[in-house]
PDB file of N, CA and C in Angstrom:
ATOM      1  N   MET A   1       0.846  -1.191   0.001  1.00  0.00           N
ATOM      2  CA  MET A   1       0.000   0.002   0.000  1.00  0.00           C
ATOM      3  C   MET A   1       0.888   1.251   0.001  1.00  0.00           C
ATOM      4  N   GLU A   2       0.496   2.240  -0.770  1.00  0.00           N
ATOM      5  CA  GLU A   2       1.324   3.434  -0.935  1.00  0.00           C
ATOM      6  C   GLU A   2       1.584   4.159   0.385  1.00  0.00           C
ATOM      7  N   ILE A   3       0.564   4.290   1.211  1.00  0.00           N
ATOM      8  CA  ILE A   3       0.706   5.043   2.457  1.00  0.00           C
ATOM      9  C   ILE A   3       1.777   4.424   3.350  1.00  0.00           C
ATOM     10  N   ASP A   4       1.822   3.094   3.419  1.00  0.00           N
ATOM     11  CA  ASP A   4       2.843   2.427   4.229  1.00  0.00           C
ATOM     12  C   ASP A   4       4.243   2.779   3.729  1.00  0.00           C
ATOM     13  N   SER A   5       4.400   2.835   2.422  1.00  0.00           N
ATOM     14  CA  SER A   5       5.700   3.174   1.855  1.00  0.00           C
ATOM     15  C   SER A   5       6.097   4.593   2.227  1.00  0.00           C
ATOM     16  N   ALA A   6       5.150   5.516   2.124  1.00  0.00           N
ATOM     17  CA  ALA A   6       5.428   6.912   2.476  1.00  0.00           C
ATOM     18  C   ALA A   6       5.819   7.004   3.947  1.00  0.00           C
ATOM     19  N   ASN A   7       5.119   6.248   4.783  1.00  0.00           N
ATOM     20  CA  ASN A   7       5.421   6.248   6.213  1.00  0.00           C
ATOM     21  C   ASN A   7       6.846   5.755   6.451  1.00  0.00           C
ATOM     22  N   GLU A   8       7.245   4.730   5.711  1.00  0.00           N
ATOM     23  CA  GLU A   8       8.609   4.211   5.852  1.00  0.00           C
ATOM     24  C   GLU A   8       9.640   5.256   5.426  1.00  0.00           C
ATOM     25  N   TYR A   9       9.344   5.984   4.352  1.00  0.00           N
ATOM     26  CA  TYR A   9      10.259   7.047   3.923  1.00  0.00           C
ATOM     27  C   TYR A   9      10.401   8.098   5.017  1.00  0.00           C
ATOM     28  N   LEU A  10       9.275   8.458   5.650  1.00  0.00           N
ATOM     29  CA  LEU A  10       9.329   9.476   6.704  1.00  0.00           C
ATOM     30  C   LEU A  10      10.112   8.973   7.914  1.00  0.00           C
ATOM     31  N   CYS A  11       9.988   7.703   8.228  1.00  0.00           N
ATOM     32  CA  CYS A  11      10.775   7.128   9.329  1.00  0.00           C
ATOM     33  C   CYS A  11      12.267   7.192   8.990  1.00  0.00           C
ATOM     34  N   GLU A  12      12.591   6.910   7.733  1.00  0.00           N
ATOM     35  CA  GLU A  12      13.990   7.005   7.300  1.00  0.00           C
ATOM     36  C   GLU A  12      14.476   8.445   7.429  1.00  0.00           C
ATOM     37  N   ALA A  13      13.620   9.390   7.073  1.00  0.00           N
ATOM     38  CA  ALA A  13      13.990  10.804   7.158  1.00  0.00           C
ATOM     39  C   ALA A  13      14.330  11.181   8.597  1.00  0.00           C
ATOM     40  N   LEU A  14      13.572  10.650   9.550  1.00  0.00           N
ATOM     41  CA  LEU A  14      13.833  10.955  10.959  1.00  0.00           C
ATOM     42  C   LEU A  14      15.205  10.461  11.401  1.00  0.00           C
ATOM     43  N   GLU A  15      15.670   9.381  10.792  1.00  0.00           N
ATOM     44  CA  GLU A  15      16.946   8.799  11.194  1.00  0.00           C
ATOM     45  C   GLU A  15      18.105   9.239  10.301  1.00  0.00           C
ATOM     46  N   ALA A  16      17.796  10.036   9.280  1.00  0.00           N
ATOM     47  CA  ALA A  16      18.835  10.469   8.343  1.00  0.00           C
ATOM     48  C   ALA A  16      19.858  11.357   9.044  1.00  0.00           C
ATOM     49  N   ASP A  17      21.108  11.229   8.620  1.00  0.00           N
ATOM     50  CA  ASP A  17      22.194  11.976   9.265  1.00  0.00           C
ATOM     51  C   ASP A  17      22.397  13.363   8.664  1.00  0.00           C
ATOM     52  N   THR A  18      22.055  13.513   7.392  1.00  0.00           N
ATOM     53  CA  THR A  18      22.319  14.789   6.719  1.00  0.00           C
ATOM     54  C   THR A  18      21.020  15.420   6.222  1.00  0.00           C
ATOM     55  N   PRO A  19      20.998  16.741   6.095  1.00  0.00           N
ATOM     56  CA  PRO A  19      19.820  17.432   5.548  1.00  0.00           C
ATOM     57  C   PRO A  19      19.473  16.939   4.142  1.00  0.00           C
ATOM     58  N   THR A  20      20.495  16.608   3.355  1.00  0.00           N
ATOM     59  CA  THR A  20      20.255  16.119   2.002  1.00  0.00           C
ATOM     60  C   THR A  20      19.491  14.801   2.027  1.00  0.00           C
ATOM     61  N   GLU A  21      19.900  13.916   2.926  1.00  0.00           N
ATOM     62  CA  GLU A  21      19.219  12.635   3.088  1.00  0.00           C
ATOM     63  C   GLU A  21      17.778  12.840   3.550  1.00  0.00           C
ATOM     64  N   LYS A  22      17.594  13.694   4.548  1.00  0.00           N
ATOM     65  CA  LYS A  22      16.253  13.988   5.053  1.00  0.00           C
ATOM     66  C   LYS A  22      15.367  14.493   3.923  1.00  0.00           C
ATOM     67  N   ASP A  23      15.905  15.439   3.151  1.00  0.00           N
ATOM     68  CA  ASP A  23      15.165  16.043   2.050  1.00  0.00           C
ATOM     69  C   ASP A  23      14.753  14.981   1.037  1.00  0.00           C
ATOM     70  N   TYR A  24      15.668  14.076   0.717  1.00  0.00           N
ATOM     71  CA  TYR A  24      15.381  13.019  -0.239  1.00  0.00           C
ATOM     72  C   TYR A  24      14.209  12.158   0.227  1.00  0.00           C
ATOM     73  N   TYR A  25      14.262  11.690   1.468  1.00  0.00           N
ATOM     74  CA  TYR A  25      13.216  10.813   1.975  1.00  0.00           C
ATOM     75  C   TYR A  25      11.874  11.527   2.078  1.00  0.00           C
ATOM     76  N   ILE A  26      11.899  12.796   2.492  1.00  0.00           N
ATOM     77  CA  ILE A  26      10.652  13.554   2.596  1.00  0.00           C
ATOM     78  C   ILE A  26      10.038  13.757   1.213  1.00  0.00           C
ATOM     79  N   ARG A  27      10.878  14.075   0.229  1.00  0.00           N
ATOM     80  CA  ARG A  27      10.368  14.242  -1.137  1.00  0.00           C
ATOM     81  C   ARG A  27       9.763  12.943  -1.665  1.00  0.00           C
ATOM     82  N   GLN A  28      10.419  11.823  -1.390  1.00  0.00           N
ATOM     83  CA  GLN A  28       9.895  10.532  -1.837  1.00  0.00           C
ATOM     84  C   GLN A  28       8.525  10.266  -1.221  1.00  0.00           C
ATOM     85  N   ALA A  29       8.403  10.533   0.069  1.00  0.00           N
ATOM     86  CA  ALA A  29       7.136  10.321   0.771  1.00  0.00           C
ATOM     87  C   ALA A  29       6.047  11.213   0.186  1.00  0.00           C
ATOM     88  N   LEU A  30       6.364  12.472  -0.014  1.00  0.00           N
ATOM     89  CA  LEU A  30       5.374  13.405  -0.560  1.00  0.00           C
ATOM     90  C   LEU A  30       4.965  13.004  -1.971  1.00  0.00           C
ATOM     91  N   GLN A  31       5.911  12.528  -2.746  1.00  0.00           N
ATOM     92  CA  GLN A  31       5.599  12.102  -4.109  1.00  0.00           C
ATOM     93  C   GLN A  31       4.621  10.927  -4.088  1.00  0.00           C
ATOM     94  N   LEU A  32       4.857   9.958  -3.226  1.00  0.00           N
ATOM     95  CA  LEU A  32       3.947   8.820  -3.112  1.00  0.00           C
ATOM     96  C   LEU A  32       2.556   9.277  -2.694  1.00  0.00           C
ATOM     97  N   LEU A  33       2.501  10.160  -1.708  1.00  0.00           N
ATOM     98  CA  LEU A  33       1.213  10.634  -1.207  1.00  0.00           C
ATOM     99  C   LEU A  33       0.480  11.457  -2.261  1.00  0.00           C
ATOM    100  N   THR A  34       1.220  12.257  -3.017  1.00  0.00           N
ATOM    101  CA  THR A  34       0.608  13.086  -4.056  1.00  0.00           C
ATOM    102  C   THR A  34       0.038  12.215  -5.167  1.00  0.00           C
ATOM    103  N   VAL A  35       0.785  11.209  -5.591  1.00  0.00           N
ATOM    104  CA  VAL A  35       0.309  10.287  -6.625  1.00  0.00           C
ATOM    105  C   VAL A  35      -0.961   9.597  -6.144  1.00  0.00           C
ATOM    106  N   GLU A  36      -0.990   9.207  -4.888  1.00  0.00           N
ATOM    107  CA  GLU A  36      -2.155   8.558  -4.289  1.00  0.00           C
ATOM    108  C   GLU A  36      -3.373   9.477  -4.376  1.00  0.00           C
ATOM    109  N   GLU A  37      -3.179  10.759  -4.078  1.00  0.00           N
ATOM    110  CA  GLU A  37      -4.277  11.731  -4.087  1.00  0.00           C
ATOM    111  C   GLU A  37      -4.824  11.944  -5.499  1.00  0.00           C
ATOM    112  N   LEU A  38      -3.942  12.011  -6.488  1.00  0.00           N
ATOM    113  CA  LEU A  38      -4.356  12.378  -7.837  1.00  0.00           C
ATOM    114  C   LEU A  38      -4.944  11.220  -8.632  1.00  0.00           C
ATOM    115  N   THR A  39      -4.735  10.009  -8.192  1.00  0.00           N
ATOM    116  CA  THR A  39      -5.255   8.849  -8.914  1.00  0.00           C
ATOM    117  C   THR A  39      -6.753   8.719  -8.668  1.00  0.00           C
ATOM    118  N   PRO A  40      -7.550   8.725  -9.751  1.00  0.00           N
ATOM    119  CA  PRO A  40      -9.015   8.640  -9.578  1.00  0.00           C
ATOM    120  C   PRO A  40      -9.458   7.308  -9.007  1.00  0.00           C
TER     121      PRO A  40
END
């Protein structure tokens, strides 16, 4: 399920060591959630 994947990305972001890593995981999560919203 997409939401579970986004949640996992956000958990990774919390444990990320660098701002770049955090940004990457947050963007991935948002992308999954956005795709979920836009799909009819």
